[in-house]
Amino acid sequence: MHLIELLFHILFTLFIIVMTIITVYRKSSSAIKNHSEIQESIALLQNRLGKPKSEYFPDQSLYEKFSKDPENNSYLTALAYDILNHCDNKQWDIPVCAVKQLGPNAAGQYVHSNKGSEIRILIGDNAHDNIVFSVLIHECMHHFLRTNDISFMDSHKNEVLTDTAALYLGFSKYMNKGYIGVGYLKYRELLYAEKMIKTLN
């Protein structure tokens, strides 16, 4: 009788351990929904760009002007050049304009056609400079990646690639400050991608 009770106790303990492992795995995998896409993005960026870039520091005078007037197209365009110059030191030509309306759930938009490229940033009544700046970084990443012919065939993977590229190219601080709630990757995914990228340095 004692042997049966002991066996039952062992089986029950194993059941609890297995269920705990399954629960932890489900929670972690749901928190990092785009786990494999982030890994693929980092591998592609490393292959095409080499080591991750150092941390980005915006031109302070320009950033202060933008912070006081985030709807100013001249400041937005100048900051876009500053962002892109950090990625690759060459001549960039892409205007940025603040708009009051975009498609559903869109905080920004990168438009490319035969006539050229343009970035549109949604500026609402409660526009916060941190959010506007992080969205601008994301849209600049679209332009940088297209210009350098770095992409996936799948549109979902490309959005993950764009956010991951922002971290890879040194914009983590500003993505974390303003991108929560408007970014493609969730906050935990940004932290996960950032941690993976740090291991490459």
N, C-alpha and C. Protein backbone atom coordinates (compact mmCIF):
# COMPACT_ATOMS: atom_id res chain seq x y z
N MET A 1 0.83 -1.21 0.00
CA MET A 1 0.00 0.00 0.00
C MET A 1 0.87 1.26 0.00
N HIS A 2 1.94 1.24 0.80
CA HIS A 2 2.83 2.40 0.86
C HIS A 2 3.52 2.64 -0.48
N LEU A 3 3.83 1.56 -1.19
CA LEU A 3 4.48 1.67 -2.48
C LEU A 3 3.57 2.34 -3.51
N ILE A 4 2.28 2.00 -3.47
CA ILE A 4 1.29 2.61 -4.38
C ILE A 4 1.15 4.10 -4.07
N GLU A 5 1.10 4.45 -2.78
CA GLU A 5 1.00 5.86 -2.38
C GLU A 5 2.24 6.64 -2.82
N LEU A 6 3.40 6.03 -2.64
CA LEU A 6 4.65 6.67 -3.05
C LEU A 6 4.68 6.89 -4.56
N LEU A 7 4.28 5.85 -5.31
CA LEU A 7 4.23 5.95 -6.77
C LEU A 7 3.24 7.03 -7.20
N PHE A 8 2.07 7.09 -6.57
CA PHE A 8 1.07 8.13 -6.87
C PHE A 8 1.64 9.52 -6.57
N HIS A 9 2.35 9.65 -5.46
CA HIS A 9 2.95 10.94 -5.07
C HIS A 9 3.99 11.38 -6.10
N ILE A 10 4.82 10.42 -6.55
CA ILE A 10 5.85 10.73 -7.56
C ILE A 10 5.20 11.16 -8.87
N LEU A 11 4.18 10.41 -9.30
CA LEU A 11 3.49 10.75 -10.55
C LEU A 11 2.81 12.11 -10.47
N PHE A 12 2.22 12.41 -9.34
CA PHE A 12 1.56 13.71 -9.14
C PHE A 12 2.59 14.84 -9.19
N THR A 13 3.74 14.63 -8.55
CA THR A 13 4.81 15.63 -8.55
C THR A 13 5.31 15.86 -9.98
N LEU A 14 5.51 14.79 -10.72
CA LEU A 14 5.95 14.91 -12.12
C LEU A 14 4.91 15.66 -12.96
N PHE A 15 3.63 15.38 -12.70
CA PHE A 15 2.55 16.08 -13.41
C PHE A 15 2.61 17.58 -13.15
N ILE A 16 2.82 17.96 -11.89
CA ILE A 16 2.92 19.38 -11.53
C ILE A 16 4.11 20.03 -12.22
N ILE A 17 5.24 19.34 -12.23
CA ILE A 17 6.46 19.88 -12.87
C ILE A 17 6.23 20.09 -14.37
N VAL A 18 5.65 19.07 -15.02
CA VAL A 18 5.39 19.17 -16.47
C VAL A 18 4.42 20.31 -16.77
N MET A 19 3.36 20.43 -16.00
CA MET A 19 2.38 21.51 -16.22
C MET A 19 3.00 22.88 -15.99
N THR A 20 3.89 22.99 -15.01
CA THR A 20 4.58 24.26 -14.75
C THR A 20 5.47 24.63 -15.93
N ILE A 21 6.20 23.66 -16.45
CA ILE A 21 7.07 23.90 -17.62
C ILE A 21 6.24 24.34 -18.82
N ILE A 22 5.12 23.67 -19.05
CA ILE A 22 4.23 24.03 -20.18
C ILE A 22 3.70 25.45 -20.01
N THR A 23 3.28 25.79 -18.80
CA THR A 23 2.74 27.14 -18.53
C THR A 23 3.80 28.21 -18.76
N VAL A 24 5.01 27.98 -18.23
CA VAL A 24 6.11 28.95 -18.41
C VAL A 24 6.44 29.10 -19.88
N TYR A 25 6.49 27.98 -20.60
CA TYR A 25 6.80 28.04 -22.04
C TYR A 25 5.74 28.83 -22.81
N ARG A 26 4.47 28.56 -22.48
CA ARG A 26 3.39 29.28 -23.18
C ARG A 26 3.45 30.77 -22.91
N LYS A 27 3.73 31.14 -21.66
CA LYS A 27 3.81 32.56 -21.31
C LYS A 27 4.97 33.22 -22.04
N SER A 28 6.12 32.56 -22.04
CA SER A 28 7.30 33.15 -22.69
C SER A 28 7.12 33.23 -24.19
N SER A 29 6.53 32.20 -24.80
CA SER A 29 6.35 32.22 -26.25
C SER A 29 5.28 33.22 -26.66
N SER A 30 4.27 33.45 -25.82
CA SER A 30 3.26 34.45 -26.16
C SER A 30 3.82 35.86 -25.98
N ALA A 31 4.74 36.03 -25.03
CA ALA A 31 5.37 37.34 -24.83
C ALA A 31 6.28 37.68 -26.00
N ILE A 32 6.97 36.68 -26.55
CA ILE A 32 7.85 36.88 -27.69
C ILE A 32 7.20 36.21 -28.90
N LYS A 33 6.16 36.82 -29.35
CA LYS A 33 5.36 36.26 -30.44
C LYS A 33 6.18 36.12 -31.73
N ASN A 34 7.04 37.10 -32.00
CA ASN A 34 7.81 37.11 -33.25
C ASN A 34 9.24 36.62 -33.05
N HIS A 35 9.38 35.64 -32.18
CA HIS A 35 10.70 35.10 -31.81
C HIS A 35 11.54 34.70 -33.03
N SER A 36 11.00 33.86 -33.90
CA SER A 36 11.78 33.37 -35.05
C SER A 36 12.03 34.48 -36.07
N GLU A 37 11.06 35.39 -36.25
CA GLU A 37 11.22 36.50 -37.19
C GLU A 37 12.32 37.45 -36.73
N ILE A 38 12.40 37.67 -35.41
CA ILE A 38 13.46 38.53 -34.87
C ILE A 38 14.82 37.89 -35.11
N GLN A 39 14.92 36.59 -34.85
CA GLN A 39 16.19 35.89 -35.08
C GLN A 39 16.61 35.94 -36.55
N GLU A 40 15.65 35.72 -37.45
CA GLU A 40 15.95 35.80 -38.89
C GLU A 40 16.39 37.20 -39.29
N SER A 41 15.73 38.21 -38.71
CA SER A 41 16.06 39.61 -39.03
C SER A 41 17.49 39.93 -38.59
N ILE A 42 17.83 39.53 -37.38
CA ILE A 42 19.18 39.80 -36.87
C ILE A 42 20.23 39.10 -37.73
N ALA A 43 19.95 37.86 -38.12
CA ALA A 43 20.90 37.12 -38.96
C ALA A 43 21.10 37.82 -40.31
N LEU A 44 19.98 38.31 -40.90
CA LEU A 44 20.07 39.01 -42.19
C LEU A 44 20.86 40.31 -42.04
N LEU A 45 20.57 41.08 -41.00
CA LEU A 45 21.26 42.35 -40.77
C LEU A 45 22.75 42.13 -40.53
N GLN A 46 23.07 41.11 -39.76
CA GLN A 46 24.48 40.81 -39.49
C GLN A 46 25.20 40.42 -40.78
N ASN A 47 24.52 39.64 -41.61
CA ASN A 47 25.12 39.21 -42.87
C ASN A 47 25.36 40.39 -43.82
N ARG A 48 24.42 41.33 -43.85
CA ARG A 48 24.51 42.45 -44.80
C ARG A 48 25.26 43.66 -44.27
N LEU A 49 25.20 43.89 -42.95
CA LEU A 49 25.76 45.12 -42.40
C LEU A 49 26.97 44.90 -41.49
N GLY A 50 27.23 43.67 -41.13
CA GLY A 50 28.33 43.41 -40.19
C GLY A 50 27.87 43.62 -38.76
N LYS A 51 28.75 44.13 -37.94
CA LYS A 51 28.44 44.32 -36.52
C LYS A 51 27.38 45.40 -36.32
N PRO A 52 26.62 45.31 -35.21
CA PRO A 52 25.63 46.37 -34.91
C PRO A 52 26.31 47.73 -34.74
N LYS A 53 25.56 48.78 -35.04
CA LYS A 53 26.07 50.15 -34.91
C LYS A 53 26.10 50.59 -33.45
N SER A 54 26.92 51.57 -33.18
CA SER A 54 26.99 52.17 -31.84
C SER A 54 25.72 52.99 -31.58
N GLU A 55 25.54 53.38 -30.33
CA GLU A 55 24.34 54.12 -29.94
C GLU A 55 24.25 55.46 -30.67
N TYR A 56 23.04 55.78 -31.08
CA TYR A 56 22.77 57.03 -31.79
C TYR A 56 22.52 58.17 -30.81
N PHE A 57 23.12 59.32 -31.11
CA PHE A 57 22.86 60.55 -30.36
C PHE A 57 22.45 61.62 -31.37
N PRO A 58 21.22 62.12 -31.28
CA PRO A 58 20.79 63.12 -32.26
C PRO A 58 21.52 64.44 -32.08
N ASP A 59 21.55 65.22 -33.14
CA ASP A 59 22.07 66.59 -33.06
C ASP A 59 21.24 67.31 -32.00
N GLN A 60 21.89 67.74 -30.92
CA GLN A 60 21.16 68.24 -29.76
C GLN A 60 20.36 69.51 -30.04
N SER A 61 20.96 70.43 -30.78
CA SER A 61 20.26 71.68 -31.10
C SER A 61 19.01 71.41 -31.93
N LEU A 62 19.15 70.54 -32.91
CA LEU A 62 18.02 70.18 -33.78
C LEU A 62 16.95 69.44 -32.99
N TYR A 63 17.37 68.53 -32.12
CA TYR A 63 16.41 67.74 -31.34
C TYR A 63 15.61 68.64 -30.39
N GLU A 64 16.25 69.63 -29.82
CA GLU A 64 15.55 70.57 -28.92
C GLU A 64 14.51 71.38 -29.70
N LYS A 65 14.86 71.82 -30.90
CA LYS A 65 13.90 72.56 -31.73
C LYS A 65 12.71 71.67 -32.08
N PHE A 66 12.99 70.43 -32.47
CA PHE A 66 11.94 69.48 -32.81
C PHE A 66 11.04 69.21 -31.60
N SER A 67 11.63 69.05 -30.42
CA SER A 67 10.85 68.75 -29.21
C SER A 67 9.83 69.85 -28.91
N LYS A 68 10.19 71.08 -29.24
CA LYS A 68 9.28 72.21 -29.01
C LYS A 68 8.22 72.33 -30.12
N ASP A 69 8.54 71.79 -31.29
CA ASP A 69 7.62 71.91 -32.42
C ASP A 69 7.69 70.64 -33.29
N PRO A 70 7.13 69.51 -32.79
CA PRO A 70 7.24 68.24 -33.53
C PRO A 70 6.44 68.18 -34.83
N GLU A 71 5.66 69.22 -35.12
CA GLU A 71 4.89 69.24 -36.37
C GLU A 71 5.62 69.97 -37.49
N ASN A 72 6.80 70.51 -37.20
CA ASN A 72 7.54 71.30 -38.18
C ASN A 72 8.22 70.37 -39.19
N ASN A 73 7.80 70.48 -40.45
CA ASN A 73 8.34 69.61 -41.50
C ASN A 73 9.84 69.76 -41.70
N SER A 74 10.35 70.97 -41.54
CA SER A 74 11.79 71.21 -41.71
C SER A 74 12.59 70.47 -40.64
N TYR A 75 12.12 70.53 -39.39
CA TYR A 75 12.81 69.82 -38.31
C TYR A 75 12.71 68.30 -38.49
N LEU A 76 11.52 67.84 -38.90
CA LEU A 76 11.34 66.40 -39.14
C LEU A 76 12.26 65.90 -40.24
N THR A 77 12.36 66.65 -41.33
CA THR A 77 13.22 66.25 -42.45
C THR A 77 14.68 66.27 -42.05
N ALA A 78 15.09 67.32 -41.33
CA ALA A 78 16.49 67.42 -40.88
C ALA A 78 16.85 66.28 -39.93
N LEU A 79 15.89 65.91 -39.06
CA LEU A 79 16.13 64.79 -38.15
C LEU A 79 16.20 63.47 -38.91
N ALA A 80 15.39 63.33 -39.96
CA ALA A 80 15.45 62.12 -40.78
C ALA A 80 16.85 61.98 -41.38
N TYR A 81 17.42 63.08 -41.87
CA TYR A 81 18.78 63.04 -42.42
C TYR A 81 19.79 62.67 -41.33
N ASP A 82 19.58 63.22 -40.13
CA ASP A 82 20.47 62.93 -39.01
C ASP A 82 20.43 61.43 -38.66
N ILE A 83 19.23 60.88 -38.64
CA ILE A 83 19.03 59.44 -38.37
C ILE A 83 19.71 58.60 -39.44
N LEU A 84 19.45 58.94 -40.71
CA LEU A 84 20.00 58.16 -41.82
C LEU A 84 21.51 58.30 -41.93
N ASN A 85 22.05 59.48 -41.61
CA ASN A 85 23.51 59.68 -41.62
C ASN A 85 24.20 58.80 -40.59
N HIS A 86 23.51 58.55 -39.47
CA HIS A 86 24.08 57.65 -38.46
C HIS A 86 24.17 56.22 -39.02
N CYS A 87 23.19 55.84 -39.83
CA CYS A 87 23.16 54.49 -40.41
C CYS A 87 24.22 54.32 -41.49
N ASP A 88 24.37 55.34 -42.30
CA ASP A 88 25.26 55.26 -43.47
C ASP A 88 25.59 56.68 -43.89
N ASN A 89 26.83 57.03 -43.83
CA ASN A 89 27.23 58.42 -44.08
C ASN A 89 27.25 58.72 -45.58
N LYS A 90 26.08 59.07 -46.11
CA LYS A 90 26.00 59.47 -47.51
C LYS A 90 24.89 60.50 -47.66
N GLN A 91 24.74 61.02 -48.85
CA GLN A 91 23.73 62.05 -49.09
C GLN A 91 22.34 61.40 -49.15
N TRP A 92 21.45 61.90 -48.31
CA TRP A 92 20.08 61.39 -48.29
C TRP A 92 19.13 62.47 -48.79
N ASP A 93 18.11 62.07 -49.48
CA ASP A 93 17.15 63.02 -50.01
C ASP A 93 15.74 62.44 -49.85
N ILE A 94 15.13 62.73 -48.70
CA ILE A 94 13.77 62.23 -48.46
C ILE A 94 13.02 63.24 -47.60
N PRO A 95 12.00 63.87 -48.15
CA PRO A 95 11.23 64.83 -47.35
C PRO A 95 10.32 64.12 -46.35
N VAL A 96 10.08 64.80 -45.23
CA VAL A 96 9.17 64.29 -44.21
C VAL A 96 8.08 65.33 -44.00
N CYS A 97 6.84 64.88 -43.94
CA CYS A 97 5.75 65.83 -43.69
C CYS A 97 4.83 65.31 -42.61
N ALA A 98 4.40 66.23 -41.76
CA ALA A 98 3.42 65.91 -40.71
C ALA A 98 2.04 65.94 -41.33
N VAL A 99 1.25 64.91 -41.04
CA VAL A 99 -0.11 64.85 -41.58
C VAL A 99 -1.09 64.61 -40.44
N LYS A 100 -2.33 65.00 -40.67
CA LYS A 100 -3.37 64.85 -39.65
C LYS A 100 -4.14 63.53 -39.79
N GLN A 101 -3.95 62.84 -40.91
CA GLN A 101 -4.71 61.61 -41.13
C GLN A 101 -3.89 60.63 -41.95
N LEU A 102 -3.92 59.35 -41.50
CA LEU A 102 -3.30 58.25 -42.23
C LEU A 102 -4.27 57.08 -42.20
N GLY A 103 -3.86 55.96 -42.76
CA GLY A 103 -4.71 54.77 -42.74
C GLY A 103 -4.95 54.30 -41.32
N PRO A 104 -5.88 53.34 -41.14
CA PRO A 104 -6.20 52.85 -39.80
C PRO A 104 -4.99 52.23 -39.11
N ASN A 105 -4.82 52.58 -37.84
CA ASN A 105 -3.73 52.06 -36.99
C ASN A 105 -2.34 52.42 -37.48
N ALA A 106 -2.22 53.42 -38.36
CA ALA A 106 -0.91 53.83 -38.86
C ALA A 106 -0.44 55.10 -38.16
N ALA A 107 0.76 55.05 -37.60
CA ALA A 107 1.34 56.24 -36.96
C ALA A 107 2.30 56.95 -37.92
N GLY A 108 2.73 56.23 -38.93
CA GLY A 108 3.62 56.78 -39.94
C GLY A 108 3.50 55.99 -41.22
N GLN A 109 4.09 56.53 -42.29
CA GLN A 109 4.00 55.85 -43.57
C GLN A 109 5.22 56.21 -44.42
N TYR A 110 5.81 55.18 -45.00
CA TYR A 110 6.90 55.38 -45.95
C TYR A 110 6.36 55.13 -47.34
N VAL A 111 6.49 56.11 -48.22
CA VAL A 111 5.94 56.01 -49.57
C VAL A 111 7.09 56.09 -50.57
N HIS A 112 7.15 55.10 -51.44
CA HIS A 112 8.18 55.11 -52.50
C HIS A 112 7.51 54.91 -53.85
N SER A 113 7.88 55.76 -54.80
CA SER A 113 7.33 55.65 -56.16
C SER A 113 8.42 56.06 -57.15
N ASN A 114 8.07 56.10 -58.44
CA ASN A 114 9.02 56.53 -59.47
C ASN A 114 9.46 57.98 -59.26
N LYS A 115 8.62 58.76 -58.61
CA LYS A 115 8.93 60.18 -58.37
C LYS A 115 9.87 60.38 -57.19
N GLY A 116 10.06 59.35 -56.38
CA GLY A 116 10.93 59.46 -55.22
C GLY A 116 10.28 58.89 -53.97
N SER A 117 10.88 59.19 -52.84
CA SER A 117 10.38 58.66 -51.56
C SER A 117 9.94 59.79 -50.65
N GLU A 118 9.04 59.46 -49.73
CA GLU A 118 8.53 60.45 -48.78
C GLU A 118 8.12 59.72 -47.50
N ILE A 119 8.31 60.41 -46.39
CA ILE A 119 7.85 59.88 -45.10
C ILE A 119 6.73 60.78 -44.60
N ARG A 120 5.65 60.14 -44.15
CA ARG A 120 4.53 60.89 -43.56
C ARG A 120 4.38 60.46 -42.11
N ILE A 121 4.27 61.43 -41.23
CA ILE A 121 4.15 61.16 -39.80
C ILE A 121 2.82 61.71 -39.30
N LEU A 122 2.04 60.86 -38.65
CA LEU A 122 0.76 61.29 -38.12
C LEU A 122 0.97 62.16 -36.88
N ILE A 123 0.43 63.36 -36.93
CA ILE A 123 0.51 64.28 -35.80
C ILE A 123 -0.90 64.55 -35.32
N GLY A 124 -1.24 63.98 -34.17
CA GLY A 124 -2.58 64.21 -33.62
C GLY A 124 -2.57 65.34 -32.61
N ASP A 125 -3.71 65.55 -31.97
CA ASP A 125 -3.82 66.62 -30.98
C ASP A 125 -2.92 66.37 -29.78
N ASN A 126 -2.69 65.08 -29.47
CA ASN A 126 -1.85 64.74 -28.31
C ASN A 126 -0.46 64.26 -28.74
N ALA A 127 0.05 64.81 -29.82
CA ALA A 127 1.35 64.36 -30.34
C ALA A 127 2.44 64.57 -29.30
N HIS A 128 3.12 63.51 -28.97
CA HIS A 128 4.22 63.57 -28.01
C HIS A 128 5.51 63.40 -28.80
N ASP A 129 6.50 64.24 -28.52
CA ASP A 129 7.72 64.22 -29.32
C ASP A 129 8.43 62.87 -29.28
N ASN A 130 8.38 62.15 -28.15
CA ASN A 130 9.03 60.83 -28.07
C ASN A 130 8.40 59.83 -29.04
N ILE A 131 7.07 59.86 -29.11
CA ILE A 131 6.37 58.94 -30.02
C ILE A 131 6.64 59.33 -31.47
N VAL A 132 6.53 60.62 -31.77
CA VAL A 132 6.77 61.09 -33.13
C VAL A 132 8.20 60.72 -33.57
N PHE A 133 9.16 60.89 -32.67
CA PHE A 133 10.55 60.61 -33.02
C PHE A 133 10.78 59.11 -33.28
N SER A 134 10.19 58.26 -32.45
CA SER A 134 10.37 56.82 -32.65
C SER A 134 9.69 56.35 -33.94
N VAL A 135 8.54 56.93 -34.26
CA VAL A 135 7.87 56.60 -35.53
C VAL A 135 8.73 57.06 -36.70
N LEU A 136 9.33 58.24 -36.58
CA LEU A 136 10.22 58.76 -37.62
C LEU A 136 11.40 57.80 -37.82
N ILE A 137 11.96 57.29 -36.74
CA ILE A 137 13.07 56.32 -36.84
C ILE A 137 12.62 55.08 -37.61
N HIS A 138 11.44 54.57 -37.25
CA HIS A 138 10.92 53.38 -37.93
C HIS A 138 10.77 53.61 -39.43
N GLU A 139 10.21 54.75 -39.81
CA GLU A 139 10.00 55.03 -41.24
C GLU A 139 11.34 55.25 -41.95
N CYS A 140 12.30 55.84 -41.25
CA CYS A 140 13.65 56.00 -41.83
C CYS A 140 14.30 54.64 -42.06
N MET A 141 14.01 53.69 -41.17
CA MET A 141 14.54 52.33 -41.35
C MET A 141 13.99 51.70 -42.63
N HIS A 142 12.71 51.96 -42.94
CA HIS A 142 12.14 51.47 -44.19
C HIS A 142 12.96 51.98 -45.37
N HIS A 143 13.28 53.28 -45.33
CA HIS A 143 14.02 53.90 -46.43
C HIS A 143 15.44 53.34 -46.51
N PHE A 144 16.09 53.22 -45.36
CA PHE A 144 17.46 52.67 -45.33
C PHE A 144 17.49 51.25 -45.87
N LEU A 145 16.57 50.41 -45.42
CA LEU A 145 16.55 49.02 -45.85
C LEU A 145 16.24 48.90 -47.35
N ARG A 146 15.29 49.71 -47.84
CA ARG A 146 14.98 49.66 -49.27
C ARG A 146 16.17 50.11 -50.09
N THR A 147 16.81 51.21 -49.67
CA THR A 147 17.97 51.74 -50.39
C THR A 147 19.11 50.73 -50.45
N ASN A 148 19.25 49.92 -49.40
CA ASN A 148 20.32 48.93 -49.35
C ASN A 148 19.86 47.54 -49.78
N ASP A 149 18.63 47.46 -50.29
CA ASP A 149 18.08 46.20 -50.80
C ASP A 149 18.15 45.08 -49.77
N ILE A 150 17.71 45.41 -48.55
CA ILE A 150 17.65 44.43 -47.47
C ILE A 150 16.17 44.21 -47.15
N SER A 151 15.68 43.01 -47.42
CA SER A 151 14.26 42.76 -47.19
C SER A 151 13.96 41.26 -47.20
N PHE A 152 12.75 40.95 -46.75
CA PHE A 152 12.16 39.62 -46.89
C PHE A 152 11.03 39.71 -47.89
N MET A 153 10.63 38.61 -48.44
CA MET A 153 9.50 38.59 -49.36
C MET A 153 8.18 38.83 -48.62
N ASP A 154 8.10 38.34 -47.39
CA ASP A 154 6.87 38.42 -46.60
C ASP A 154 6.74 39.79 -45.93
N SER A 155 5.57 40.43 -46.02
CA SER A 155 5.38 41.79 -45.47
C SER A 155 5.44 41.79 -43.95
N HIS A 156 4.92 40.75 -43.31
CA HIS A 156 4.97 40.64 -41.84
C HIS A 156 6.43 40.61 -41.38
N LYS A 157 7.24 39.78 -42.03
CA LYS A 157 8.65 39.68 -41.68
C LYS A 157 9.37 41.01 -41.91
N ASN A 158 8.96 41.73 -42.95
CA ASN A 158 9.60 43.02 -43.25
C ASN A 158 9.33 44.05 -42.15
N GLU A 159 8.15 44.04 -41.57
CA GLU A 159 7.85 44.97 -40.47
C GLU A 159 8.69 44.63 -39.23
N VAL A 160 8.81 43.33 -38.96
CA VAL A 160 9.67 42.89 -37.84
C VAL A 160 11.11 43.29 -38.13
N LEU A 161 11.55 43.10 -39.37
CA LEU A 161 12.90 43.49 -39.79
C LEU A 161 13.13 44.98 -39.57
N THR A 162 12.14 45.78 -39.89
CA THR A 162 12.28 47.25 -39.78
C THR A 162 12.48 47.67 -38.33
N ASP A 163 11.67 47.14 -37.41
CA ASP A 163 11.85 47.46 -35.99
C ASP A 163 13.18 46.91 -35.47
N THR A 164 13.53 45.71 -35.89
CA THR A 164 14.79 45.10 -35.45
C THR A 164 15.98 45.90 -35.97
N ALA A 165 15.87 46.40 -37.19
CA ALA A 165 16.94 47.22 -37.77
C ALA A 165 17.17 48.49 -36.96
N ALA A 166 16.09 49.08 -36.45
CA ALA A 166 16.23 50.29 -35.62
C ALA A 166 17.09 50.00 -34.39
N LEU A 167 16.91 48.84 -33.79
CA LEU A 167 17.72 48.45 -32.64
C LEU A 167 19.14 48.13 -33.07
N TYR A 168 19.27 47.42 -34.17
CA TYR A 168 20.57 46.99 -34.68
C TYR A 168 21.45 48.19 -35.04
N LEU A 169 20.81 49.25 -35.50
CA LEU A 169 21.55 50.43 -35.95
C LEU A 169 21.71 51.49 -34.86
N GLY A 170 21.37 51.15 -33.61
CA GLY A 170 21.72 52.02 -32.50
C GLY A 170 20.62 52.92 -31.95
N PHE A 171 19.36 52.66 -32.30
CA PHE A 171 18.28 53.55 -31.88
C PHE A 171 17.44 52.99 -30.72
N SER A 172 17.98 52.03 -29.99
CA SER A 172 17.23 51.36 -28.91
C SER A 172 16.63 52.35 -27.92
N LYS A 173 17.43 53.29 -27.48
CA LYS A 173 16.98 54.25 -26.45
C LYS A 173 15.70 54.96 -26.88
N TYR A 174 15.67 55.41 -28.11
CA TYR A 174 14.52 56.20 -28.58
C TYR A 174 13.35 55.31 -28.97
N MET A 175 13.63 54.10 -29.39
CA MET A 175 12.54 53.15 -29.66
C MET A 175 11.84 52.79 -28.36
N ASN A 176 12.61 52.54 -27.32
CA ASN A 176 12.03 52.19 -26.01
C ASN A 176 11.29 53.36 -25.38
N LYS A 177 11.78 54.58 -25.62
CA LYS A 177 11.14 55.76 -25.02
C LYS A 177 9.78 56.07 -25.62
N GLY A 178 9.65 55.88 -26.93
CA GLY A 178 8.42 56.36 -27.57
C GLY A 178 7.61 55.36 -28.35
N TYR A 179 8.13 54.16 -28.55
CA TYR A 179 7.48 53.26 -29.49
C TYR A 179 6.44 52.34 -28.85
N ILE A 180 6.37 52.33 -27.53
CA ILE A 180 5.43 51.44 -26.84
C ILE A 180 4.00 51.80 -27.25
N GLY A 181 3.27 50.81 -27.71
CA GLY A 181 1.88 51.05 -28.07
C GLY A 181 1.66 51.43 -29.52
N VAL A 182 2.73 51.89 -30.21
CA VAL A 182 2.55 52.24 -31.62
C VAL A 182 3.45 51.39 -32.52
N GLY A 183 4.40 50.67 -31.95
CA GLY A 183 5.32 49.88 -32.74
C GLY A 183 4.78 48.54 -33.15
N TYR A 184 5.42 47.94 -34.13
CA TYR A 184 5.02 46.61 -34.59
C TYR A 184 5.40 45.56 -33.56
N LEU A 185 6.64 45.65 -33.04
CA LEU A 185 7.06 44.75 -31.97
C LEU A 185 6.59 45.29 -30.63
N LYS A 186 6.15 44.42 -29.76
CA LYS A 186 5.74 44.83 -28.42
C LYS A 186 6.99 45.07 -27.56
N TYR A 187 6.77 45.70 -26.41
CA TYR A 187 7.89 46.12 -25.57
C TYR A 187 8.80 44.95 -25.20
N ARG A 188 8.21 43.81 -24.80
CA ARG A 188 9.03 42.65 -24.44
C ARG A 188 9.83 42.13 -25.63
N GLU A 189 9.25 42.25 -26.81
CA GLU A 189 9.95 41.81 -28.01
C GLU A 189 11.11 42.73 -28.35
N LEU A 190 10.92 44.03 -28.13
CA LEU A 190 12.02 44.97 -28.31
C LEU A 190 13.17 44.64 -27.37
N LEU A 191 12.84 44.36 -26.10
CA LEU A 191 13.88 44.03 -25.12
C LEU A 191 14.57 42.73 -25.49
N TYR A 192 13.79 41.76 -25.96
CA TYR A 192 14.35 40.47 -26.37
C TYR A 192 15.32 40.66 -27.55
N ALA A 193 14.90 41.43 -28.56
CA ALA A 193 15.75 41.68 -29.73
C ALA A 193 17.00 42.44 -29.33
N GLU A 194 16.84 43.41 -28.45
CA GLU A 194 17.98 44.20 -27.98
C GLU A 194 19.00 43.32 -27.27
N LYS A 195 18.51 42.40 -26.45
CA LYS A 195 19.39 41.49 -25.71
C LYS A 195 20.17 40.59 -26.69
N MET A 196 19.47 40.09 -27.71
CA MET A 196 20.14 39.25 -28.71
C MET A 196 21.21 40.02 -29.47
N ILE A 197 20.91 41.26 -29.81
CA ILE A 197 21.85 42.10 -30.57
C ILE A 197 23.10 42.40 -29.75
N LYS A 198 22.93 42.63 -28.45
CA LYS A 198 24.07 42.93 -27.57
C LYS A 198 25.07 41.78 -27.52
N THR A 199 24.61 40.56 -27.72
CA THR A 199 25.52 39.40 -27.69
C THR A 199 26.44 39.39 -28.92
N LEU A 200 26.11 40.18 -29.94
CA LEU A 200 26.93 40.19 -31.18
C LEU A 200 28.12 41.13 -31.08
N ASN A 201 28.11 42.04 -30.10
CA ASN A 201 29.22 43.00 -29.96
C ASN A 201 30.41 42.38 -29.24
